Amino acid sequence: MGMRNVALLMIAPLSVAAAMIPSASAAADDDNFGPEKLAAMKKIKAEHGPLAAAPERFAEVDLDGDGSPEIIGYIRSPETCGSGGCTLMVFDMKGGELAQIGRIPASRLPVSIYPESRGGFRDLGVTTAGGGYGSAIRRVPFTGSSYAPSAWDDTTAKERRHGTIVLRDQ
């Protein structure tokens, strides 16, 4: 019985260390991301740390119908999260440069898109809750130069259902 415990203790550190080393398939997954998603993840990693840039919290979606994807990122970090949720950011690649076209704090997953658009970009569906309010879905429009700065902005509206889900909790 004592030998079995010793053997398990010797194996456990190896499995933990192996889990911490990026696998070849994880590195290959980066090849599946477009330049827009990689640029957004790099920016978020630099500003908020590696955990905030988890690939599963970024979606590539063509919001303006130009044939190239915009990036929707759900940013989880101590600086971007609070009791109402975390910050949702939207990026567009303009002239080879990453431009932030939306920053919506106090958002929760899931996030969706609606077929309707305003200002040339599709409306977003953002889940909200906190501050004594129950869970709700808010439609967040593009207001000309960016998405509304809050899911509770005067330009947003309460919805009964989400549109097409593009980001969900993993």
Protein backbone atom coordinates (compact mmCIF):
# COMPACT_ATOMS: atom_id res chain seq x y z
CA MET A 1 0.00 0.00 0.00
CA GLY A 2 2.84 2.38 0.81
CA MET A 3 4.58 1.70 -2.55
CA ARG A 4 1.41 2.45 -4.51
CA ASN A 5 1.11 5.88 -2.84
CA VAL A 6 4.75 6.65 -3.60
CA ALA A 7 4.30 5.64 -7.25
CA LEU A 8 1.26 7.88 -7.60
CA LEU A 9 3.11 10.79 -6.07
CA MET A 10 5.94 10.32 -8.56
CA ILE A 11 3.58 10.17 -11.57
CA ALA A 12 1.33 13.09 -10.59
CA PRO A 13 4.00 15.82 -11.04
CA LEU A 14 4.73 14.47 -14.54
CA SER A 15 1.09 14.68 -15.60
CA VAL A 16 0.75 18.22 -14.19
CA ALA A 17 3.93 19.31 -15.99
CA ALA A 18 2.74 17.71 -19.23
CA ALA A 19 -0.56 19.61 -18.98
CA MET A 20 1.34 22.90 -18.67
CA ILE A 21 3.40 22.37 -21.85
CA PRO A 22 1.58 23.53 -25.00
CA SER A 23 0.97 20.62 -27.31
CA ALA A 24 1.83 20.61 -30.98
CA SER A 25 -1.90 20.52 -31.75
CA ALA A 26 -2.48 23.66 -29.64
CA ALA A 27 0.22 25.46 -31.59
CA ALA A 28 -1.31 24.18 -34.83
CA ASP A 29 -4.69 25.59 -33.74
CA ASP A 30 -3.21 29.09 -34.01
CA ASP A 31 -2.86 28.39 -37.73
CA ASN A 32 -6.66 28.05 -37.92
CA PHE A 33 -7.17 31.60 -36.65
CA GLY A 34 -7.34 34.46 -39.09
CA PRO A 35 -5.00 37.44 -38.77
CA GLU A 36 -7.79 39.48 -37.20
CA LYS A 37 -8.33 37.01 -34.34
CA LEU A 38 -4.60 36.60 -33.75
CA ALA A 39 -4.12 40.39 -33.65
CA ALA A 40 -7.02 40.82 -31.18
CA MET A 41 -5.74 38.01 -28.94
CA LYS A 42 -2.22 39.50 -28.99
CA LYS A 43 -3.56 42.94 -28.04
CA ILE A 44 -5.69 41.58 -25.18
CA LYS A 45 -2.83 39.39 -23.92
CA ALA A 46 -0.52 42.43 -23.82
CA GLU A 47 -3.08 44.60 -22.02
CA HIS A 48 -4.76 42.10 -19.68
CA GLY A 49 -2.59 38.97 -19.50
CA PRO A 50 -2.69 35.52 -21.12
CA LEU A 51 -5.81 34.24 -19.34
CA ALA A 52 -7.86 37.14 -20.73
CA ALA A 53 -6.83 36.13 -24.27
CA ALA A 54 -8.22 32.57 -24.18
CA PRO A 55 -9.07 31.67 -27.81
CA GLU A 56 -12.47 30.18 -26.94
CA ARG A 57 -13.64 33.63 -25.81
CA PHE A 58 -13.11 35.17 -29.26
CA ALA A 59 -15.41 34.82 -32.26
CA GLU A 60 -14.71 35.69 -35.88
CA VAL A 61 -17.91 37.10 -37.40
CA ASP A 62 -18.48 39.26 -40.47
CA LEU A 63 -20.56 41.99 -38.86
CA ASP A 64 -20.46 44.51 -41.72
CA GLY A 65 -20.85 42.22 -44.75
CA ASP A 66 -17.47 43.09 -46.27
CA GLY A 67 -16.33 39.46 -46.47
CA SER A 68 -13.70 39.72 -43.72
CA PRO A 69 -14.40 38.92 -40.08
CA GLU A 70 -14.63 41.30 -37.20
CA ILE A 71 -13.62 39.92 -33.81
CA ILE A 72 -15.87 39.75 -30.76
CA GLY A 73 -13.91 39.07 -27.58
CA TYR A 74 -15.22 38.38 -24.09
CA ILE A 75 -12.40 39.65 -21.87
CA ARG A 76 -12.12 38.03 -18.44
CA SER A 77 -9.56 39.68 -16.18
CA PRO A 78 -9.55 41.45 -12.80
CA GLU A 79 -9.57 44.83 -14.60
CA THR A 80 -12.46 44.00 -16.93
CA CYS A 81 -14.86 42.02 -14.73
CA GLY A 82 -17.17 42.99 -11.92
CA SER A 83 -20.47 41.93 -10.38
CA GLY A 84 -22.31 42.68 -13.63
CA GLY A 85 -20.03 40.54 -15.80
CA CYS A 86 -16.98 41.18 -17.95
CA THR A 87 -16.15 43.46 -20.86
CA LEU A 88 -17.12 42.57 -24.40
CA MET A 89 -14.84 44.08 -27.06
CA VAL A 90 -15.35 44.27 -30.81
CA PHE A 91 -12.49 44.75 -33.26
CA ASP A 92 -12.24 45.45 -36.98
CA MET A 93 -9.16 45.30 -39.17
CA LYS A 94 -8.88 48.62 -41.02
CA GLY A 95 -6.00 49.13 -43.43
CA GLY A 96 -4.07 46.29 -41.82
CA GLU A 97 -4.46 47.80 -38.34
CA LEU A 98 -6.66 46.44 -35.57
CA ALA A 99 -9.28 49.01 -34.51
CA GLN A 100 -11.53 48.69 -31.48
CA ILE A 101 -15.11 49.45 -32.54
CA GLY A 102 -16.85 48.40 -29.34
CA ARG A 103 -16.27 48.11 -25.61
CA ILE A 104 -19.30 46.98 -23.63
CA PRO A 105 -18.65 46.47 -19.91
CA ALA A 106 -20.83 44.42 -17.54
CA SER A 107 -21.70 41.82 -20.19
CA ARG A 108 -22.29 38.13 -19.73
CA LEU A 109 -22.29 35.14 -22.03
CA PRO A 110 -23.87 34.12 -24.31
CA VAL A 111 -23.40 36.81 -26.97
CA SER A 112 -25.35 36.72 -30.22
CA ILE A 113 -25.80 38.61 -33.47
CA TYR A 114 -29.06 39.65 -35.09
CA PRO A 115 -29.67 39.84 -38.85
CA GLU A 116 -30.57 43.53 -38.62
CA SER A 117 -27.86 46.15 -38.82
CA ARG A 118 -27.51 49.84 -38.08
CA GLY A 119 -24.65 52.04 -39.15
CA GLY A 120 -23.39 49.24 -41.40
CA PHE A 121 -22.79 46.64 -38.64
CA ARG A 122 -25.10 43.90 -37.33
CA ASP A 123 -26.72 44.34 -33.94
CA LEU A 124 -25.29 42.34 -31.03
CA GLY A 125 -27.27 40.46 -28.39
CA VAL A 126 -25.65 40.82 -24.98
CA THR A 127 -26.68 39.05 -21.78
CA THR A 128 -26.80 41.29 -18.71
CA ALA A 129 -27.40 40.74 -14.99
CA GLY A 130 -26.23 42.04 -11.65
CA GLY A 131 -26.77 45.12 -9.56
CA GLY A 132 -30.04 43.71 -8.29
CA TYR A 133 -31.38 43.02 -11.81
CA GLY A 134 -32.20 39.59 -13.15
CA SER A 135 -30.75 38.19 -16.34
CA ALA A 136 -31.82 40.00 -19.52
CA ILE A 137 -30.90 40.13 -23.18
CA ARG A 138 -30.08 43.55 -24.60
CA ARG A 139 -29.79 44.41 -28.29
CA VAL A 140 -26.73 46.62 -28.76
CA PRO A 141 -26.55 48.55 -32.05
CA PHE A 142 -23.62 50.08 -33.89
CA THR A 143 -24.03 53.82 -33.40
CA GLY A 144 -22.03 55.13 -36.38
CA SER A 145 -18.45 54.89 -35.16
CA SER A 146 -18.71 52.17 -32.51
CA TYR A 147 -21.10 49.90 -30.69
CA ALA A 148 -23.07 51.49 -27.84
CA PRO A 149 -20.76 51.88 -24.80
CA SER A 150 -23.15 50.05 -22.49
CA ALA A 151 -25.82 47.38 -22.79
CA TRP A 152 -27.99 49.86 -20.85
CA ASP A 153 -27.31 52.81 -23.19
CA ASP A 154 -30.32 54.78 -24.50
CA THR A 155 -29.81 53.21 -27.95
CA THR A 156 -30.17 49.61 -26.69
CA ALA A 157 -33.37 47.60 -26.35
CA LYS A 158 -34.53 44.63 -24.29
CA GLU A 159 -35.09 41.46 -26.33
CA ARG A 160 -37.04 38.28 -25.63
CA ARG A 161 -34.53 36.00 -27.40
CA HIS A 162 -30.96 35.94 -28.52
CA GLY A 163 -30.09 36.02 -32.19
CA THR A 164 -27.49 33.57 -33.53
CA ILE A 165 -25.17 32.66 -30.64
CA VAL A 166 -21.52 33.40 -31.48
CA LEU A 167 -19.95 33.17 -28.00
CA ARG A 168 -21.07 30.95 -25.15
CA ASP A 169 -19.64 29.80 -21.83
CA GLN A 170 -17.37 26.81 -22.34
